């Protein structure tokens, strides 16, 4: 049975999000159909890098804002496929 899957990731460099659209037949990989990379917006990337380098305390609001920014970037990357 043919199935399409999207894989999405962001590495520790925080430069952006990579996505791949792949075709499988059951458990067998058939082919890579498309890829796309989308950079994080500069302000979001700086905030993420700051968190990586330090041990800051975040408010729930700050955490939610970062989470939404990352989620929007992941969604936009998948949409671009």
Protein backbone atom coordinates (compact mmCIF):
# COMPACT_ATOMS: atom_id res chain seq x y z
CA UNK A 1 0.00 0.00 0.00
CA UNK A 2 1.46 3.36 -1.06
CA UNK A 3 1.81 5.99 1.66
CA UNK A 4 3.36 9.45 1.81
CA UNK A 5 5.13 10.71 4.91
CA UNK A 6 6.62 14.06 5.86
CA UNK A 7 9.67 14.16 8.12
CA UNK A 8 10.51 17.50 9.77
CA UNK A 9 13.43 18.44 12.00
CA UNK A 10 15.44 21.32 13.35
CA UNK A 11 18.99 20.77 14.54
CA UNK A 12 20.97 22.33 17.35
CA UNK A 13 22.36 25.06 15.07
CA UNK A 14 18.86 26.57 15.06
CA UNK A 15 19.38 27.83 11.53
CA UNK A 16 16.02 26.55 10.32
CA UNK A 17 13.72 23.64 9.67
CA UNK A 18 14.26 20.86 7.14
CA UNK A 19 11.44 18.77 5.69
CA UNK A 20 11.30 15.77 3.38
CA UNK A 21 8.33 14.18 1.61
CA UNK A 22 8.90 10.45 1.15
CA UNK A 23 6.98 7.67 -0.52
CA UNK A 24 6.72 4.23 1.09
CA UNK A 25 5.16 0.98 -0.03
CA UNK A 26 4.26 -0.67 3.24
CA UNK A 27 7.51 -0.62 5.22
CA UNK A 28 9.70 -0.22 2.12
CA UNK A 29 11.06 3.21 1.25
CA UNK A 30 10.48 3.92 -2.45
CA UNK A 31 11.65 7.48 -3.12
CA UNK A 32 12.28 10.97 -1.91
CA UNK A 33 9.69 13.21 -3.56
CA UNK A 34 10.60 16.66 -2.28
CA UNK A 35 12.69 18.55 0.28
CA UNK A 36 12.51 22.06 1.64
CA UNK A 37 14.44 24.15 4.16
CA UNK A 38 13.04 27.26 5.81
CA UNK A 39 15.15 29.52 7.99
CA UNK A 40 13.85 30.68 11.34
CA UNK A 41 12.99 34.35 11.53
CA UNK A 42 16.00 36.19 12.97
CA UNK A 43 14.32 37.22 16.23
CA UNK A 44 13.02 33.70 16.92
CA UNK A 45 16.41 32.15 16.16
CA UNK A 46 18.16 34.56 18.53
CA UNK A 47 15.72 33.72 21.33
CA UNK A 48 16.21 29.99 20.78
CA UNK A 49 20.00 30.32 20.71
CA UNK A 50 19.89 32.38 23.91
CA UNK A 51 17.99 29.53 25.60
CA UNK A 52 20.54 27.02 24.36
CA UNK A 53 23.51 28.97 25.73
CA UNK A 54 22.10 29.90 29.10
CA UNK A 55 19.82 28.48 31.75
CA UNK A 56 17.12 31.14 31.82
CA UNK A 57 13.82 30.96 33.55
CA UNK A 58 10.88 31.33 31.19
CA UNK A 59 7.39 32.39 32.04
CA UNK A 60 4.59 30.23 30.69
CA UNK A 61 3.75 33.05 28.26
CA UNK A 62 7.34 33.20 26.94
CA UNK A 63 7.42 29.44 26.54
CA UNK A 64 4.11 29.47 24.66
CA UNK A 65 5.30 32.26 22.35
CA UNK A 66 8.47 30.33 21.47
CA UNK A 67 6.49 27.13 21.00
CA UNK A 68 4.08 28.87 18.63
CA UNK A 69 6.94 30.41 16.64
CA UNK A 70 8.62 27.04 16.17
CA UNK A 71 5.30 25.38 15.32
CA UNK A 72 4.52 28.04 12.71
CA UNK A 73 7.92 27.50 11.11
CA UNK A 74 7.43 23.72 11.05
CA UNK A 75 3.97 24.15 9.48
CA UNK A 76 5.23 26.62 6.86
CA UNK A 77 8.04 24.22 5.93
CA UNK A 78 5.60 21.34 5.47
CA UNK A 79 3.26 23.57 3.44
CA UNK A 80 6.13 24.50 1.12
CA UNK A 81 6.61 20.85 0.13
